[in-house]
């Protein structure tokens, strides 16, 4: 019997956030669909978690005991002495934030194994995950903040470039992580310490000029029957110099509405500009599924900058669609109904082997 699957977890700094997204989504769908839950462990192996009902089950990673499974050729197989088919898979909703789940690797795996999944394809996902690459490719479409990518190969020279070419107020961030993990406001006197910390958790870092007098805006979108549906625009509220991981997920007892203004109170011209940029970015990178795009608005220069793309946003950004009349279940049903068909590659006999071997 074919099943709809929800997959979450993965070897990523956002592992726990992914569990929340996946379990939340599964709970909302299990009364309407024949559903299987798949946990992608910190070892990047697949485990069947369908019977798990409580998120707290995943709190102590050393005590997690689940049956390991194998995904192959459109089906789930139980791993025993022999592999026994458990069920066929009609499609997978990917809730894995960061790591192989969001950088396109998992999508490639699914495609090879004839499993349809909800996120953007591997190329689009990889570009979006690489902040520096995304900004390089999009700089002619939307303004981007000046920055320098640093890794172990260009370390010394790039540090000198930061000192010579960028303004004093800076933001240091991992180039390929999300949820504001590792992000710090720094300046030219102290950025190296944070840079080294970032390079211990990611292969590369991005040092950017910090917009001091700014407002952040986020907008999500989804492709539905060939039409791009835009969410409401939110203004995250931060008490720090940037929206930190702690503010997003850790600080307890946040009063509803104090962490964001939704919809954002902005003029028609700026709203139209955000709408326009979101459409252009989504189309330019050939994205699919639910995507959230984050912006920074420079109040002094009155310039809207593209900041980053989230191809698998937290909680599937459902709260951004509610103000435009799309509830959570409707949003996920649109996501399922619009899973992209994989590109098929054809073969023709060129005769090369017969000519070379005879």
Protein backbone atom coordinates (compact mmCIF):
# COMPACT_ATOMS: atom_id res chain seq x y z
CA UNK A 1 0.00 0.00 0.00
CA UNK A 2 1.35 3.43 -0.92
CA UNK A 3 2.01 5.86 1.88
CA UNK A 4 2.74 9.55 2.27
CA UNK A 5 5.93 10.06 4.29
CA UNK A 6 7.18 12.89 6.45
CA UNK A 7 10.95 12.96 6.97
CA UNK A 8 12.76 15.03 9.60
CA UNK A 9 16.07 15.22 11.47
CA UNK A 10 19.46 14.79 9.80
CA UNK A 11 23.06 15.60 10.72
CA UNK A 12 22.62 19.34 11.03
CA UNK A 13 22.77 22.11 13.61
CA UNK A 14 19.05 22.47 12.95
CA UNK A 15 18.31 18.81 13.77
CA UNK A 16 16.02 19.54 16.73
CA UNK A 17 14.14 22.32 14.91
CA UNK A 18 13.56 19.87 12.08
CA UNK A 19 12.02 17.36 14.51
CA UNK A 20 9.56 20.01 15.68
CA UNK A 21 8.58 20.90 12.10
CA UNK A 22 8.18 17.25 11.07
CA UNK A 23 6.25 16.09 14.13
CA UNK A 24 3.99 19.14 13.98
CA UNK A 25 3.23 18.49 10.32
CA UNK A 26 2.65 14.76 10.83
CA UNK A 27 0.21 15.39 13.69
CA UNK A 28 -1.81 17.68 11.44
CA UNK A 29 -1.95 15.19 8.56
CA UNK A 30 -2.27 11.75 10.17
CA UNK A 31 -6.06 11.89 10.42
CA UNK A 32 -6.38 12.52 6.66
CA UNK A 33 -3.55 10.44 5.15
CA UNK A 34 -1.96 7.02 5.47
CA UNK A 35 1.22 8.45 6.88
CA UNK A 36 4.67 7.18 7.79
CA UNK A 37 7.17 9.19 9.81
CA UNK A 38 10.84 8.78 8.94
CA UNK A 39 13.53 9.99 11.30
CA UNK A 40 16.87 10.85 9.68
CA UNK A 41 19.32 10.30 12.53
CA UNK A 42 22.47 12.21 13.36
CA UNK A 43 24.23 9.35 11.57
CA UNK A 44 22.21 10.23 8.42
CA UNK A 45 20.55 6.81 8.47
CA UNK A 46 16.81 6.34 8.12
CA UNK A 47 14.61 5.08 10.97
CA UNK A 48 10.87 4.37 11.10
CA UNK A 49 9.22 6.68 13.65
CA UNK A 50 5.55 6.26 12.72
CA UNK A 51 4.54 5.12 16.22
CA UNK A 52 6.29 8.04 17.96
CA UNK A 53 3.70 10.55 19.18
CA UNK A 54 5.69 12.77 21.55
CA UNK A 55 8.49 15.12 20.49
CA UNK A 56 10.17 14.47 23.84
CA UNK A 57 11.01 10.98 22.56
CA UNK A 58 13.88 12.60 20.62
CA UNK A 59 15.23 14.71 23.50
CA UNK A 60 17.92 12.26 24.65
CA UNK A 61 19.66 11.17 21.44
CA UNK A 62 21.56 8.36 23.16
CA UNK A 63 18.29 6.66 24.15
CA UNK A 64 16.53 6.79 20.79
CA UNK A 65 15.71 3.25 19.69
CA UNK A 66 13.98 2.92 16.34
CA UNK A 67 13.98 0.32 13.59
CA UNK A 68 16.43 1.17 10.83
CA UNK A 69 14.94 1.21 7.33
CA UNK A 70 16.18 1.53 3.78
CA UNK A 71 14.57 3.68 1.10
CA UNK A 72 14.93 2.15 -2.34
CA UNK A 73 13.11 2.32 -5.67
CA UNK A 74 9.99 4.05 -4.36
CA UNK A 75 9.55 1.96 -1.24
CA UNK A 76 10.53 1.47 2.40
CA UNK A 77 12.35 -1.73 3.29
CA UNK A 78 12.87 -3.02 6.83
CA UNK A 79 16.50 -3.82 7.56
CA UNK A 80 16.86 -7.31 9.02
CA UNK A 81 19.06 -10.19 7.91
CA UNK A 82 17.27 -9.74 4.60
CA UNK A 83 15.50 -6.64 3.34
CA UNK A 84 11.72 -6.97 3.44
CA UNK A 85 9.46 -4.48 1.71
CA UNK A 86 7.38 -2.54 4.24
CA UNK A 87 5.37 -0.25 1.96
CA UNK A 88 5.50 1.76 -1.25
CA UNK A 89 5.96 5.52 -1.02
CA UNK A 90 3.77 7.88 -3.00
CA UNK A 91 5.76 10.97 -1.98
CA UNK A 92 7.86 12.48 0.81
CA UNK A 93 7.41 15.78 2.60
CA UNK A 94 10.94 16.88 3.44
CA UNK A 95 11.11 18.71 6.80
CA UNK A 96 14.90 18.40 7.24
CA UNK A 97 16.36 21.83 7.96
CA UNK A 98 20.00 22.30 7.01
CA UNK A 99 22.60 19.66 6.19
CA UNK A 100 21.93 16.99 3.56
CA UNK A 101 18.19 17.52 3.96
CA UNK A 102 18.20 21.08 2.69
CA UNK A 103 21.34 21.33 0.54
CA UNK A 104 19.97 19.12 -2.24
CA UNK A 105 21.75 15.85 -1.36
CA UNK A 106 18.62 14.21 0.01
CA UNK A 107 16.60 15.33 -2.99
CA UNK A 108 19.15 13.70 -5.31
CA UNK A 109 18.90 10.49 -3.31
CA UNK A 110 15.12 10.54 -3.59
CA UNK A 111 15.26 11.21 -7.33
CA UNK A 112 17.61 8.29 -7.99
CA UNK A 113 15.27 6.03 -6.02
CA UNK A 114 12.08 7.12 -7.80
CA UNK A 115 10.71 8.91 -4.74
CA UNK A 116 8.93 12.22 -5.27
CA UNK A 117 9.71 14.92 -2.68
CA UNK A 118 8.38 18.36 -1.93
CA UNK A 119 11.46 20.60 -1.92
CA UNK A 120 13.36 22.40 -4.69
CA UNK A 121 15.62 20.23 -6.83
CA UNK A 122 19.24 19.55 -5.89
CA UNK A 123 20.80 22.39 -7.91
CA UNK A 124 18.39 25.07 -6.68
CA UNK A 125 18.71 23.81 -3.09
CA UNK A 126 22.50 23.86 -3.20
CA UNK A 127 22.58 27.42 -4.55
CA UNK A 128 20.12 28.63 -1.92
CA UNK A 129 22.06 26.94 0.90
CA UNK A 130 25.30 28.64 -0.14
CA UNK A 131 24.67 32.25 0.92
CA UNK A 132 27.64 33.68 -0.96
CA UNK A 133 26.84 31.79 -4.16
CA UNK A 134 23.17 32.79 -4.04
CA UNK A 135 24.08 36.46 -3.66
CA UNK A 136 26.61 36.26 -6.47
CA UNK A 137 24.02 34.80 -8.84
CA UNK A 138 21.24 37.18 -7.77
CA UNK A 139 23.17 40.47 -7.54
CA UNK A 140 21.85 41.69 -10.90
CA UNK A 141 18.26 40.97 -9.84
CA UNK A 142 18.16 42.34 -6.28
CA UNK A 143 20.59 44.48 -4.23
CA UNK A 144 22.94 42.47 -2.01
CA UNK A 145 25.10 43.56 0.93
CA UNK A 146 28.84 43.67 0.38
CA UNK A 147 30.63 40.70 1.86
CA UNK A 148 33.59 38.36 1.59
CA UNK A 149 33.51 34.59 1.73
CA UNK A 150 36.31 33.03 3.78
CA UNK A 151 37.44 29.42 3.97
CA UNK A 152 40.65 27.66 4.96
CA UNK A 153 42.11 28.02 1.47
CA UNK A 154 41.83 31.81 1.22
CA UNK A 155 41.95 32.55 4.96
CA UNK A 156 44.86 35.02 5.23
CA UNK A 157 44.14 36.96 2.06
CA UNK A 158 40.43 37.22 2.75
CA UNK A 159 41.06 38.57 6.25
CA UNK A 160 43.15 41.37 4.73
CA UNK A 161 40.38 42.06 2.21
CA UNK A 162 37.86 42.40 5.04
CA UNK A 163 40.09 44.92 6.79
CA UNK A 164 40.74 46.94 3.63
CA UNK A 165 37.48 46.75 1.70
CA UNK A 166 34.58 46.51 4.14
CA UNK A 167 33.10 48.96 6.62
CA UNK A 168 33.94 48.67 10.32
CA UNK A 169 30.57 47.31 11.51
CA UNK A 170 30.25 43.69 10.36
CA UNK A 171 28.18 40.53 10.59
CA UNK A 172 29.97 37.17 10.70
CA UNK A 173 27.89 34.16 9.71
CA UNK A 174 28.35 30.56 8.58
CA UNK A 175 28.00 30.43 4.81
CA UNK A 176 25.79 27.33 4.74
CA UNK A 177 23.96 27.09 8.08
CA UNK A 178 20.55 28.43 9.05
CA UNK A 179 18.48 29.56 12.05
CA UNK A 180 21.06 32.29 12.84
CA UNK A 181 23.42 29.62 14.23
CA UNK A 182 26.92 31.05 14.61
CA UNK A 183 25.86 34.55 13.54
CA UNK A 184 27.45 37.42 15.47
CA UNK A 185 27.67 41.20 15.16
CA UNK A 186 31.39 42.04 15.07
CA UNK A 187 33.77 44.71 13.83
CA UNK A 188 37.23 44.85 12.31
CA UNK A 189 38.91 44.58 15.70
CA UNK A 190 37.32 41.30 16.77
CA UNK A 191 35.86 39.47 13.77
CA UNK A 192 38.69 36.93 13.51
CA UNK A 193 37.73 35.19 16.77
CA UNK A 194 34.17 34.64 15.53
CA UNK A 195 35.45 33.68 12.10
CA UNK A 196 37.52 30.87 13.62
CA UNK A 197 34.50 29.69 15.62
CA UNK A 198 32.41 29.58 12.45
CA UNK A 199 35.05 27.62 10.54
CA UNK A 200 34.92 24.98 13.26
CA UNK A 201 31.25 24.32 12.41
CA UNK A 202 31.05 25.14 8.69
CA UNK A 203 33.40 24.86 5.71
CA UNK A 204 33.22 28.58 5.00
CA UNK A 205 32.15 31.86 6.55
CA UNK A 206 30.61 35.02 5.16
CA UNK A 207 31.70 38.38 6.56
CA UNK A 208 29.33 41.16 5.53
CA UNK A 209 28.92 44.83 6.24
CA UNK A 210 26.30 45.29 8.93
CA UNK A 211 23.37 47.58 8.26
CA UNK A 212 23.11 49.34 11.61
CA UNK A 213 19.83 51.18 11.12
CA UNK A 214 17.71 48.44 9.61
CA UNK A 215 14.42 46.56 9.50
CA UNK A 216 14.17 42.88 8.62
CA UNK A 217 11.36 41.52 6.48
CA UNK A 218 10.48 37.93 5.54
CA UNK A 219 8.13 36.59 2.91
CA UNK A 220 7.27 33.04 1.87
CA UNK A 221 5.83 31.72 -1.37
CA UNK A 222 4.61 28.48 -2.93
CA UNK A 223 4.04 27.41 -6.53
CA UNK A 224 0.46 26.24 -6.99
CA UNK A 225 -0.65 25.01 -10.44
CA UNK A 226 1.97 27.16 -12.11
CA UNK A 227 1.00 30.29 -10.16
CA UNK A 228 3.21 31.74 -7.45
CA UNK A 229 1.28 32.48 -4.26
CA UNK A 230 2.91 35.03 -1.96
CA UNK A 231 2.46 35.04 1.80
CA UNK A 232 2.02 38.06 3.99
CA UNK A 233 5.21 39.96 4.83
CA UNK A 234 6.42 39.77 8.42
CA UNK A 235 8.74 42.07 10.35
CA UNK A 236 10.69 40.04 12.94
CA UNK A 237 11.30 41.92 16.17
CA UNK A 238 14.76 41.62 17.72
CA UNK A 239 16.20 43.13 20.87
CA UNK A 240 19.71 42.39 19.62
CA UNK A 241 21.71 43.64 16.63
CA UNK A 242 20.29 40.75 14.59
CA UNK A 243 17.62 38.08 15.06
CA UNK A 244 19.48 35.39 17.01
CA UNK A 245 18.88 31.66 17.39
CA UNK A 246 17.93 32.16 21.05
CA UNK A 247 15.30 34.75 20.14
CA UNK A 248 13.84 32.43 17.50
CA UNK A 249 13.67 29.25 19.56
CA UNK A 250 14.99 29.41 23.14
CA UNK A 251 13.62 32.44 25.01
CA UNK A 252 10.68 31.12 27.07
CA UNK A 253 7.24 32.61 27.57
CA UNK A 254 7.32 34.94 24.59
CA UNK A 255 4.06 36.86 24.38
CA UNK A 256 2.38 36.16 21.06
CA UNK A 257 2.94 39.06 18.68
CA UNK A 258 5.96 40.49 20.48
CA UNK A 259 8.45 38.62 18.29
CA UNK A 260 7.02 39.80 14.97
CA UNK A 261 4.67 42.25 13.30
CA UNK A 262 2.43 40.31 10.93
CA UNK A 263 1.47 41.62 8.50
CA UNK A 264 4.29 44.16 8.54
CA UNK A 265 3.15 47.78 8.62
CA UNK A 266 4.80 49.01 5.45
CA UNK A 267 3.92 51.32 2.61
CA UNK A 268 2.56 50.11 -0.71
CA UNK A 269 5.78 50.87 -2.60
CA UNK A 270 7.97 48.76 -0.28
CA UNK A 271 5.40 45.94 -0.21
CA UNK A 272 5.34 45.88 -4.01
CA UNK A 273 9.14 45.83 -4.08
CA UNK A 274 9.31 42.84 -1.71
CA UNK A 275 6.61 41.04 -3.70
CA UNK A 276 8.51 41.68 -6.92
CA UNK A 277 11.88 40.52 -5.55
CA UNK A 278 10.36 37.36 -4.06
CA UNK A 279 8.86 36.40 -7.42
CA UNK A 280 12.08 37.17 -9.30
CA UNK A 281 14.29 35.21 -6.88
CA UNK A 282 11.98 32.17 -6.83
CA UNK A 283 11.82 32.05 -10.61
CA UNK A 284 15.49 32.87 -11.24
CA UNK A 285 16.66 29.94 -9.11
CA UNK A 286 13.95 27.61 -10.45
CA UNK A 287 12.66 26.91 -6.96
CA UNK A 288 9.82 24.64 -5.93
CA UNK A 289 7.73 23.96 -2.86
CA UNK A 290 7.49 26.40 0.07
CA UNK A 291 10.35 28.87 0.22
CA UNK A 292 10.94 31.79 2.59
CA UNK A 293 13.08 34.73 1.49
CA UNK A 294 14.56 37.12 4.04
CA UNK A 295 15.36 40.79 3.43
CA UNK A 296 17.12 43.66 5.19
CA UNK A 297 15.92 47.21 4.67
CA UNK A 298 18.46 50.02 5.14
CA UNK A 299 16.42 52.81 6.73
CA UNK A 300 19.03 55.49 6.05
CA UNK A 301 19.70 54.64 2.39
CA UNK A 302 16.15 53.37 1.75
CA UNK A 303 17.50 50.27 0.04
CA UNK A 304 15.99 46.80 0.30
CA UNK A 305 18.65 44.06 0.32
CA UNK A 306 18.24 40.34 -0.27
CA UNK A 307 19.59 38.46 2.76
CA UNK A 308 19.02 34.70 2.35
CA UNK A 309 16.74 31.92 1.13
CA UNK A 310 15.21 29.14 3.22
CA UNK A 311 14.10 26.28 0.96
CA UNK A 312 12.65 24.35 3.91
CA UNK A 313 11.51 27.06 6.34
CA UNK A 314 10.70 26.40 9.98
CA UNK A 315 7.13 25.14 10.48
CA UNK A 316 6.84 25.41 6.68
CA UNK A 317 6.22 29.15 7.26
CA UNK A 318 2.51 28.33 7.69
CA UNK A 319 1.92 31.38 9.92
CA UNK A 320 2.91 33.68 7.04
CA UNK A 321 0.16 32.25 4.81
CA UNK A 322 -2.64 32.47 7.38
CA UNK A 323 -3.12 36.26 6.91
CA UNK A 324 -3.70 35.70 3.16
CA UNK A 325 -6.41 33.12 3.83
CA UNK A 326 -4.44 29.86 3.55
CA UNK A 327 -4.61 27.69 6.67
CA UNK A 328 -1.99 25.11 7.62
CA UNK A 329 -3.73 22.03 6.20
CA UNK A 330 -4.57 23.80 2.94
CA UNK A 331 -0.95 24.93 2.60
CA UNK A 332 0.42 21.41 3.08
CA UNK A 333 -2.16 19.97 0.67
CA UNK A 334 -0.99 22.48 -1.94
CA UNK A 335 2.58 21.41 -1.24
CA UNK A 336 1.70 17.75 -1.78
CA UNK A 337 -0.42 18.40 -4.88
CA UNK A 338 2.34 20.38 -6.58
CA UNK A 339 5.33 18.09 -6.13
CA UNK A 340 7.47 18.56 -9.21
CA UNK A 341 8.09 15.71 -11.59
CA UNK A 342 11.75 14.75 -11.85
CA UNK A 343 13.56 15.51 -15.08
CA UNK A 344 13.94 12.36 -17.13
CA UNK A 345 17.13 11.71 -19.05
CA UNK A 346 16.88 9.77 -22.29
CA UNK A 347 19.45 7.45 -23.86
CA UNK A 348 20.22 6.87 -27.49
CA UNK A 349 22.74 4.48 -28.95
CA UNK A 350 25.54 6.64 -30.31
CA UNK A 351 27.45 3.65 -31.57
CA UNK A 352 30.62 4.81 -29.83
CA UNK A 353 31.31 1.52 -28.07
CA UNK A 354 30.79 -0.61 -31.17
CA UNK A 355 33.03 1.65 -33.22
CA UNK A 356 35.77 1.72 -30.59
CA UNK A 357 35.68 -1.97 -29.79
CA UNK A 358 35.59 -3.35 -33.34
